[in-house]
Amino acid sequence: MNADADADVLARYREGDASAFDELVKKYGPFIQRLCLRYVKDEEDAKDVAQRVFVRAFEKLDSFRGASSFRTWLYRIAVNMALNHVRGAPPIDPLPSEDVAAFTSSLRTSRLVAAEVWRKVSARLEQLPPKQRLVVELRVFHDLSFKEVAAIAD
């Protein structure tokens, strides 16, 4: 494997320590759920998709070769599953409260102004082609490195 921060945990899992995978779920669960929410736009659906992401990762962990980091591999699964979910679901567009809260604190402005700014940013993001949108969201909202974004977005 490359210099993967999760290599030790993955090695423990492969040696039979089932609790090691639980550590990965706890570590990445909130991030994967947030990523899914950006695509599916519904909190309950995002939780369901995130749970399916970890089930898929658990089922396919033996096929993880370590060519990229575990995080990159997991994010790629999440993006694929979220997009598959969106293709089969009717569009809805609620405003995620944590995104407004993040804008409020980062802009040091009122919640109303932050909500308006967030609506404009979201509208612009929605206009981007899917791959460009994915790149911007992974880099800006999930703080992945350019190398990780490139691996996830092919």
N, C-alpha and C. Protein backbone atom coordinates (compact mmCIF):
# COMPACT_ATOMS: atom_id res chain seq x y z
N MET A 1 0.83 -1.20 0.00
CA MET A 1 0.00 0.00 0.00
C MET A 1 0.87 1.25 0.00
N ASN A 2 0.25 2.34 -0.47
CA ASN A 2 0.97 3.61 -0.40
C ASN A 2 0.87 4.15 1.02
N ALA A 3 1.25 5.39 1.22
CA ALA A 3 1.26 5.98 2.55
C ALA A 3 -0.17 6.33 2.98
N ASP A 4 -0.98 5.33 3.16
CA ASP A 4 -2.37 5.49 3.53
C ASP A 4 -2.46 5.61 5.05
N ALA A 5 -3.13 6.64 5.51
CA ALA A 5 -3.29 6.85 6.95
C ALA A 5 -4.08 5.72 7.61
N ASP A 6 -4.84 4.99 6.82
CA ASP A 6 -5.67 3.92 7.35
C ASP A 6 -5.06 2.54 7.15
N ALA A 7 -3.82 2.47 6.70
CA ALA A 7 -3.19 1.18 6.40
C ALA A 7 -3.15 0.26 7.61
N ASP A 8 -2.86 0.82 8.79
CA ASP A 8 -2.79 -0.02 9.99
C ASP A 8 -4.15 -0.60 10.34
N VAL A 9 -5.18 0.22 10.23
CA VAL A 9 -6.53 -0.25 10.55
C VAL A 9 -6.96 -1.31 9.54
N LEU A 10 -6.67 -1.08 8.26
CA LEU A 10 -7.01 -2.07 7.23
C LEU A 10 -6.26 -3.38 7.46
N ALA A 11 -5.01 -3.29 7.86
CA ALA A 11 -4.23 -4.50 8.14
C ALA A 11 -4.84 -5.27 9.30
N ARG A 12 -5.26 -4.56 10.34
CA ARG A 12 -5.91 -5.22 11.48
C ARG A 12 -7.19 -5.92 11.04
N TYR A 13 -7.97 -5.26 10.18
CA TYR A 13 -9.20 -5.87 9.70
C TYR A 13 -8.89 -7.14 8.90
N ARG A 14 -7.91 -7.06 8.04
CA ARG A 14 -7.55 -8.22 7.21
C ARG A 14 -6.98 -9.37 8.04
N GLU A 15 -6.48 -9.05 9.22
CA GLU A 15 -5.97 -10.09 10.12
C GLU A 15 -7.07 -10.66 11.01
N GLY A 16 -8.31 -10.19 10.82
CA GLY A 16 -9.43 -10.77 11.56
C GLY A 16 -10.05 -9.90 12.63
N ASP A 17 -9.56 -8.68 12.80
CA ASP A 17 -10.14 -7.78 13.81
C ASP A 17 -11.34 -7.06 13.20
N ALA A 18 -12.55 -7.59 13.43
CA ALA A 18 -13.76 -7.03 12.84
C ALA A 18 -14.04 -5.61 13.33
N SER A 19 -13.58 -5.28 14.53
CA SER A 19 -13.83 -3.94 15.07
C SER A 19 -13.06 -2.86 14.31
N ALA A 20 -12.05 -3.25 13.57
CA ALA A 20 -11.25 -2.28 12.81
C ALA A 20 -12.11 -1.59 11.76
N PHE A 21 -13.01 -2.34 11.12
CA PHE A 21 -13.88 -1.71 10.12
C PHE A 21 -14.82 -0.71 10.79
N ASP A 22 -15.25 -1.01 12.01
CA ASP A 22 -16.10 -0.07 12.76
C ASP A 22 -15.38 1.26 12.96
N GLU A 23 -14.08 1.20 13.19
CA GLU A 23 -13.28 2.42 13.35
C GLU A 23 -13.34 3.27 12.08
N LEU A 24 -13.26 2.60 10.94
CA LEU A 24 -13.32 3.33 9.67
C LEU A 24 -14.69 3.95 9.46
N VAL A 25 -15.74 3.24 9.84
CA VAL A 25 -17.10 3.78 9.72
C VAL A 25 -17.26 5.01 10.61
N LYS A 26 -16.76 4.93 11.83
CA LYS A 26 -16.85 6.07 12.75
C LYS A 26 -16.04 7.26 12.24
N LYS A 27 -14.88 6.96 11.67
CA LYS A 27 -14.00 8.02 11.18
C LYS A 27 -14.59 8.74 9.97
N TYR A 28 -15.10 7.96 9.01
CA TYR A 28 -15.54 8.54 7.74
C TYR A 28 -17.05 8.71 7.61
N GLY A 29 -17.82 8.15 8.53
CA GLY A 29 -19.27 8.22 8.44
C GLY A 29 -19.84 9.61 8.23
N PRO A 30 -19.48 10.58 9.08
CA PRO A 30 -20.04 11.93 8.89
C PRO A 30 -19.65 12.57 7.55
N PHE A 31 -18.44 12.31 7.08
CA PHE A 31 -17.98 12.89 5.82
C PHE A 31 -18.71 12.27 4.63
N ILE A 32 -18.89 10.96 4.68
CA ILE A 32 -19.58 10.28 3.60
C ILE A 32 -21.04 10.70 3.57
N GLN A 33 -21.65 10.82 4.74
CA GLN A 33 -23.05 11.25 4.79
C GLN A 33 -23.20 12.67 4.24
N ARG A 34 -22.28 13.53 4.58
CA ARG A 34 -22.32 14.92 4.08
C ARG A 34 -22.14 14.95 2.56
N LEU A 35 -21.22 14.15 2.05
CA LEU A 35 -21.02 14.07 0.61
C LEU A 35 -22.30 13.57 -0.07
N CYS A 36 -22.90 12.55 0.46
CA CYS A 36 -24.14 12.01 -0.12
C CYS A 36 -25.25 13.06 -0.08
N LEU A 37 -25.33 13.81 1.01
CA LEU A 37 -26.36 14.84 1.14
C LEU A 37 -26.24 15.91 0.05
N ARG A 38 -25.02 16.20 -0.35
CA ARG A 38 -24.82 17.21 -1.40
C ARG A 38 -25.44 16.75 -2.71
N TYR A 39 -25.56 15.46 -2.90
CA TYR A 39 -26.14 14.93 -4.14
C TYR A 39 -27.62 14.59 -4.00
N VAL A 40 -27.99 13.91 -2.94
CA VAL A 40 -29.37 13.43 -2.84
C VAL A 40 -30.33 14.48 -2.26
N LYS A 41 -29.82 15.50 -1.59
CA LYS A 41 -30.58 16.65 -1.10
C LYS A 41 -31.61 16.33 -0.02
N ASP A 42 -31.61 15.13 0.51
CA ASP A 42 -32.54 14.77 1.57
C ASP A 42 -31.76 14.03 2.65
N GLU A 43 -31.89 14.48 3.88
CA GLU A 43 -31.05 13.95 4.95
C GLU A 43 -31.27 12.46 5.19
N GLU A 44 -32.51 12.01 5.19
CA GLU A 44 -32.78 10.59 5.41
C GLU A 44 -32.24 9.74 4.26
N ASP A 45 -32.44 10.20 3.04
CA ASP A 45 -31.89 9.48 1.88
C ASP A 45 -30.36 9.45 1.94
N ALA A 46 -29.77 10.56 2.37
CA ALA A 46 -28.30 10.61 2.48
C ALA A 46 -27.80 9.60 3.51
N LYS A 47 -28.52 9.47 4.62
CA LYS A 47 -28.13 8.47 5.63
C LYS A 47 -28.22 7.06 5.04
N ASP A 48 -29.28 6.80 4.29
CA ASP A 48 -29.45 5.48 3.67
C ASP A 48 -28.34 5.20 2.66
N VAL A 49 -28.05 6.18 1.83
CA VAL A 49 -27.00 6.00 0.82
C VAL A 49 -25.65 5.81 1.51
N ALA A 50 -25.37 6.60 2.53
CA ALA A 50 -24.10 6.47 3.26
C ALA A 50 -23.97 5.08 3.87
N GLN A 51 -25.06 4.58 4.42
CA GLN A 51 -25.02 3.24 4.99
C GLN A 51 -24.73 2.20 3.91
N ARG A 52 -25.35 2.36 2.74
CA ARG A 52 -25.09 1.43 1.64
C ARG A 52 -23.65 1.54 1.15
N VAL A 53 -23.07 2.73 1.24
CA VAL A 53 -21.66 2.92 0.85
C VAL A 53 -20.78 2.04 1.73
N PHE A 54 -21.01 2.07 3.03
CA PHE A 54 -20.18 1.27 3.93
C PHE A 54 -20.43 -0.22 3.77
N VAL A 55 -21.66 -0.60 3.48
CA VAL A 55 -21.94 -2.01 3.20
C VAL A 55 -21.17 -2.45 1.96
N ARG A 56 -21.21 -1.63 0.91
CA ARG A 56 -20.49 -1.95 -0.33
C ARG A 56 -18.99 -2.02 -0.07
N ALA A 57 -18.47 -1.06 0.69
CA ALA A 57 -17.04 -1.06 1.00
C ALA A 57 -16.66 -2.31 1.78
N PHE A 58 -17.50 -2.69 2.72
CA PHE A 58 -17.25 -3.90 3.51
C PHE A 58 -17.23 -5.13 2.62
N GLU A 59 -18.19 -5.20 1.70
CA GLU A 59 -18.27 -6.35 0.79
C GLU A 59 -17.09 -6.41 -0.18
N LYS A 60 -16.59 -5.25 -0.57
CA LYS A 60 -15.54 -5.18 -1.61
C LYS A 60 -14.14 -4.92 -1.05
N LEU A 61 -14.01 -4.91 0.26
CA LEU A 61 -12.72 -4.55 0.85
C LEU A 61 -11.59 -5.48 0.40
N ASP A 62 -11.91 -6.72 0.12
CA ASP A 62 -10.86 -7.64 -0.36
C ASP A 62 -10.32 -7.22 -1.73
N SER A 63 -11.14 -6.47 -2.50
CA SER A 63 -10.68 -6.03 -3.82
C SER A 63 -9.93 -4.70 -3.76
N PHE A 64 -9.87 -4.07 -2.58
CA PHE A 64 -9.12 -2.82 -2.43
C PHE A 64 -7.62 -3.13 -2.51
N ARG A 65 -6.98 -2.64 -3.56
CA ARG A 65 -5.58 -2.94 -3.83
C ARG A 65 -4.61 -1.95 -3.18
N GLY A 66 -5.12 -0.80 -2.78
CA GLY A 66 -4.24 0.20 -2.18
C GLY A 66 -3.55 1.10 -3.19
N ALA A 67 -4.04 1.11 -4.45
CA ALA A 67 -3.46 2.00 -5.45
C ALA A 67 -3.71 3.46 -5.08
N SER A 68 -4.79 3.71 -4.36
CA SER A 68 -5.09 5.03 -3.82
C SER A 68 -5.30 4.85 -2.32
N SER A 69 -5.55 5.94 -1.62
CA SER A 69 -5.82 5.81 -0.19
C SER A 69 -7.21 5.21 0.01
N PHE A 70 -7.43 4.65 1.18
CA PHE A 70 -8.75 4.09 1.50
C PHE A 70 -9.80 5.19 1.40
N ARG A 71 -9.47 6.37 1.88
CA ARG A 71 -10.41 7.50 1.84
C ARG A 71 -10.83 7.81 0.41
N THR A 72 -9.88 7.85 -0.50
CA THR A 72 -10.18 8.12 -1.91
C THR A 72 -11.09 7.04 -2.47
N TRP A 73 -10.77 5.80 -2.18
CA TRP A 73 -11.57 4.66 -2.65
C TRP A 73 -12.99 4.74 -2.11
N LEU A 74 -13.12 5.06 -0.83
CA LEU A 74 -14.43 5.17 -0.19
C LEU A 74 -15.24 6.32 -0.78
N TYR A 75 -14.60 7.46 -1.01
CA TYR A 75 -15.30 8.60 -1.61
C TYR A 75 -15.78 8.26 -3.02
N ARG A 76 -14.99 7.51 -3.76
CA ARG A 76 -15.41 7.12 -5.12
C ARG A 76 -16.66 6.24 -5.07
N ILE A 77 -16.69 5.32 -4.12
CA ILE A 77 -17.89 4.49 -3.93
C ILE A 77 -19.08 5.38 -3.58
N ALA A 78 -18.86 6.34 -2.69
CA ALA A 78 -19.95 7.23 -2.25
C ALA A 78 -20.48 8.06 -3.41
N VAL A 79 -19.60 8.62 -4.21
CA VAL A 79 -20.04 9.43 -5.35
C VAL A 79 -20.85 8.57 -6.31
N ASN A 80 -20.36 7.39 -6.62
CA ASN A 80 -21.09 6.51 -7.53
C ASN A 80 -22.46 6.14 -6.99
N MET A 81 -22.53 5.80 -5.73
CA MET A 81 -23.82 5.39 -5.15
C MET A 81 -24.78 6.57 -5.04
N ALA A 82 -24.26 7.74 -4.69
CA ALA A 82 -25.12 8.92 -4.60
C ALA A 82 -25.67 9.29 -5.98
N LEU A 83 -24.82 9.24 -6.99
CA LEU A 83 -25.29 9.54 -8.35
C LEU A 83 -26.31 8.52 -8.83
N ASN A 84 -26.09 7.25 -8.51
CA ASN A 84 -27.06 6.22 -8.87
C ASN A 84 -28.40 6.47 -8.18
N HIS A 85 -28.34 6.89 -6.94
CA HIS A 85 -29.56 7.20 -6.20
C HIS A 85 -30.30 8.37 -6.84
N VAL A 86 -29.56 9.41 -7.19
CA VAL A 86 -30.17 10.61 -7.78
C VAL A 86 -30.83 10.28 -9.12
N ARG A 87 -30.22 9.42 -9.89
CA ARG A 87 -30.79 9.05 -11.20
C ARG A 87 -32.16 8.41 -11.05
N GLY A 88 -32.40 7.77 -9.92
CA GLY A 88 -33.68 7.10 -9.72
C GLY A 88 -34.64 7.82 -8.80
N ALA A 89 -34.30 9.03 -8.37
CA ALA A 89 -35.15 9.75 -7.42
C ALA A 89 -35.66 11.05 -8.03
N PRO A 90 -36.87 11.46 -7.64
CA PRO A 90 -37.37 12.76 -8.12
C PRO A 90 -36.57 13.90 -7.49
N PRO A 91 -36.34 14.99 -8.22
CA PRO A 91 -35.52 16.09 -7.69
C PRO A 91 -36.24 16.87 -6.58
N ILE A 92 -35.50 17.16 -5.52
CA ILE A 92 -35.96 18.05 -4.46
C ILE A 92 -34.80 18.98 -4.13
N ASP A 93 -35.08 20.12 -3.51
CA ASP A 93 -34.01 21.07 -3.29
C ASP A 93 -34.13 21.80 -1.95
N PRO A 94 -34.08 21.07 -0.81
CA PRO A 94 -34.05 21.78 0.46
C PRO A 94 -32.67 22.37 0.70
N LEU A 95 -32.60 23.34 1.57
CA LEU A 95 -31.34 24.00 1.90
C LEU A 95 -30.73 23.33 3.12
N PRO A 96 -29.59 22.63 2.98
CA PRO A 96 -28.99 21.96 4.13
C PRO A 96 -28.57 22.98 5.19
N SER A 97 -29.05 22.79 6.40
CA SER A 97 -28.81 23.77 7.46
C SER A 97 -27.34 23.88 7.82
N GLU A 98 -26.59 22.78 7.77
CA GLU A 98 -25.18 22.88 8.15
C GLU A 98 -24.38 23.68 7.13
N ASP A 99 -24.81 23.69 5.86
CA ASP A 99 -24.12 24.50 4.85
C ASP A 99 -24.36 25.98 5.11
N VAL A 100 -25.59 26.34 5.47
CA VAL A 100 -25.89 27.73 5.80
C VAL A 100 -25.11 28.14 7.05
N ALA A 101 -25.05 27.26 8.03
CA ALA A 101 -24.32 27.57 9.26
C ALA A 101 -22.84 27.78 8.96
N ALA A 102 -22.27 26.98 8.08
CA ALA A 102 -20.86 27.13 7.72
C ALA A 102 -20.63 28.47 7.03
N PHE A 103 -21.52 28.83 6.12
CA PHE A 103 -21.40 30.12 5.45
C PHE A 103 -21.57 31.26 6.45
N THR A 104 -22.49 31.12 7.39
CA THR A 104 -22.73 32.17 8.38
C THR A 104 -21.46 32.43 9.18
N SER A 105 -20.83 31.37 9.67
CA SER A 105 -19.64 31.57 10.49
C SER A 105 -18.45 32.02 9.65
N SER A 106 -18.30 31.48 8.44
CA SER A 106 -17.14 31.87 7.64
C SER A 106 -17.26 33.28 7.09
N LEU A 107 -18.47 33.72 6.80
CA LEU A 107 -18.66 35.08 6.29
C LEU A 107 -18.90 36.10 7.39
N ARG A 108 -19.10 35.62 8.62
CA ARG A 108 -19.40 36.48 9.77
C ARG A 108 -20.58 37.40 9.44
N THR A 109 -21.62 36.78 9.03
CA THR A 109 -22.79 37.54 8.60
C THR A 109 -24.04 36.88 9.15
N SER A 110 -25.15 37.49 8.90
CA SER A 110 -26.41 36.95 9.41
C SER A 110 -26.79 35.68 8.67
N ARG A 111 -27.62 34.90 9.31
CA ARG A 111 -28.09 33.65 8.72
C ARG A 111 -28.87 33.92 7.43
N LEU A 112 -29.63 34.99 7.39
CA LEU A 112 -30.42 35.32 6.21
C LEU A 112 -29.51 35.65 5.02
N VAL A 113 -28.48 36.46 5.26
CA VAL A 113 -27.54 36.80 4.19
C VAL A 113 -26.78 35.55 3.75
N ALA A 114 -26.36 34.74 4.71
CA ALA A 114 -25.64 33.52 4.39
C ALA A 114 -26.52 32.57 3.57
N ALA A 115 -27.79 32.48 3.92
CA ALA A 115 -28.70 31.62 3.17
C ALA A 115 -28.82 32.10 1.72
N GLU A 116 -28.87 33.40 1.53
CA GLU A 116 -28.96 33.95 0.17
C GLU A 116 -27.67 33.67 -0.62
N VAL A 117 -26.54 33.86 0.03
CA VAL A 117 -25.26 33.58 -0.63
C VAL A 117 -25.19 32.09 -0.98
N TRP A 118 -25.61 31.24 -0.03
CA TRP A 118 -25.57 29.80 -0.28
C TRP A 118 -26.48 29.42 -1.45
N ARG A 119 -27.65 30.04 -1.55
CA ARG A 119 -28.56 29.76 -2.67
C ARG A 119 -27.89 30.10 -4.01
N LYS A 120 -27.18 31.21 -4.03
CA LYS A 120 -26.49 31.62 -5.27
C LYS A 120 -25.35 30.66 -5.60
N VAL A 121 -24.58 30.28 -4.61
CA VAL A 121 -23.48 29.33 -4.83
C VAL A 121 -24.04 27.99 -5.31
N SER A 122 -25.10 27.52 -4.66
CA SER A 122 -25.72 26.25 -5.04
C SER A 122 -26.24 26.30 -6.47
N ALA A 123 -26.87 27.41 -6.83
CA ALA A 123 -27.40 27.55 -8.19
C ALA A 123 -26.27 27.49 -9.21
N ARG A 124 -25.16 28.13 -8.91
CA ARG A 124 -24.01 28.09 -9.84
C ARG A 124 -23.42 26.69 -9.93
N LEU A 125 -23.31 26.03 -8.79
CA LEU A 125 -22.78 24.67 -8.80
C LEU A 125 -23.67 23.74 -9.62
N GLU A 126 -24.97 23.90 -9.51
CA GLU A 126 -25.91 23.06 -10.25
C GLU A 126 -25.76 23.26 -11.76
N GLN A 127 -25.27 24.40 -12.18
CA GLN A 127 -25.10 24.69 -13.61
C GLN A 127 -23.85 24.03 -14.20
N LEU A 128 -22.93 23.63 -13.33
CA LEU A 128 -21.70 23.01 -13.82
C LEU A 128 -21.99 21.61 -14.36
N PRO A 129 -21.21 21.18 -15.34
CA PRO A 129 -21.31 19.78 -15.77
C PRO A 129 -20.97 18.87 -14.58
N PRO A 130 -21.54 17.66 -14.53
CA PRO A 130 -21.38 16.79 -13.36
C PRO A 130 -19.95 16.58 -12.89
N LYS A 131 -19.03 16.36 -13.80
CA LYS A 131 -17.64 16.09 -13.39
C LYS A 131 -16.99 17.34 -12.79
N GLN A 132 -17.25 18.51 -13.38
CA GLN A 132 -16.70 19.75 -12.83
C GLN A 132 -17.31 20.03 -11.46
N ARG A 133 -18.59 19.79 -11.32
CA ARG A 133 -19.26 19.99 -10.03
C ARG A 133 -18.64 19.09 -8.98
N LEU A 134 -18.41 17.84 -9.34
CA LEU A 134 -17.80 16.89 -8.42
C LEU A 134 -16.44 17.39 -7.96
N VAL A 135 -15.62 17.85 -8.88
CA VAL A 135 -14.28 18.34 -8.56
C VAL A 135 -14.36 19.51 -7.58
N VAL A 136 -15.20 20.48 -7.87
CA VAL A 136 -15.32 21.66 -6.99
C VAL A 136 -15.81 21.24 -5.60
N GLU A 137 -16.83 20.40 -5.55
CA GLU A 137 -17.38 20.00 -4.26
C GLU A 137 -16.38 19.19 -3.43
N LEU A 138 -15.67 18.28 -4.06
CA LEU A 138 -14.70 17.49 -3.30
C LEU A 138 -13.56 18.35 -2.77
N ARG A 139 -13.12 19.30 -3.57
CA ARG A 139 -12.01 20.15 -3.16
C ARG A 139 -12.44 21.19 -2.12
N VAL A 140 -13.55 21.88 -2.40
CA VAL A 140 -13.96 22.99 -1.54
C VAL A 140 -14.70 22.52 -0.29
N PHE A 141 -15.67 21.63 -0.45
CA PHE A 141 -16.51 21.25 0.68
C PHE A 141 -15.97 20.08 1.48
N HIS A 142 -15.13 19.24 0.87
CA HIS A 142 -14.62 18.08 1.59
C HIS A 142 -13.12 18.16 1.81
N ASP A 143 -12.49 19.23 1.32
CA ASP A 143 -11.09 19.52 1.58
C ASP A 143 -10.16 18.37 1.20
N LEU A 144 -10.47 17.70 0.10
CA LEU A 144 -9.59 16.64 -0.39
C LEU A 144 -8.46 17.27 -1.19
N SER A 145 -7.34 16.57 -1.22
CA SER A 145 -6.20 17.08 -1.99
C SER A 145 -6.51 16.96 -3.48
N PHE A 146 -5.75 17.67 -4.30
CA PHE A 146 -5.96 17.60 -5.74
C PHE A 146 -5.72 16.17 -6.24
N LYS A 147 -4.75 15.50 -5.65
CA LYS A 147 -4.45 14.12 -6.05
C LYS A 147 -5.65 13.21 -5.75
N GLU A 148 -6.26 13.39 -4.57
CA GLU A 148 -7.43 12.57 -4.22
C GLU A 148 -8.61 12.90 -5.13
N VAL A 149 -8.81 14.18 -5.39
CA VAL A 149 -9.91 14.59 -6.28
C VAL A 149 -9.70 13.98 -7.66
N ALA A 150 -8.47 14.01 -8.15
CA ALA A 150 -8.19 13.44 -9.47
C ALA A 150 -8.47 11.94 -9.49
N ALA A 151 -8.12 11.25 -8.43
CA ALA A 151 -8.35 9.80 -8.37
C ALA A 151 -9.86 9.49 -8.34
N ILE A 152 -10.61 10.27 -7.59
CA ILE A 152 -12.04 10.04 -7.46
C ILE A 152 -12.76 10.39 -8.76
N ALA A 153 -12.37 11.48 -9.36
CA ALA A 153 -13.06 11.97 -10.57
C ALA A 153 -12.51 11.36 -11.86
N ASP A 154 -11.53 10.51 -11.76
CA ASP A 154 -10.87 9.91 -12.93
C ASP A 154 -10.27 10.98 -13.82
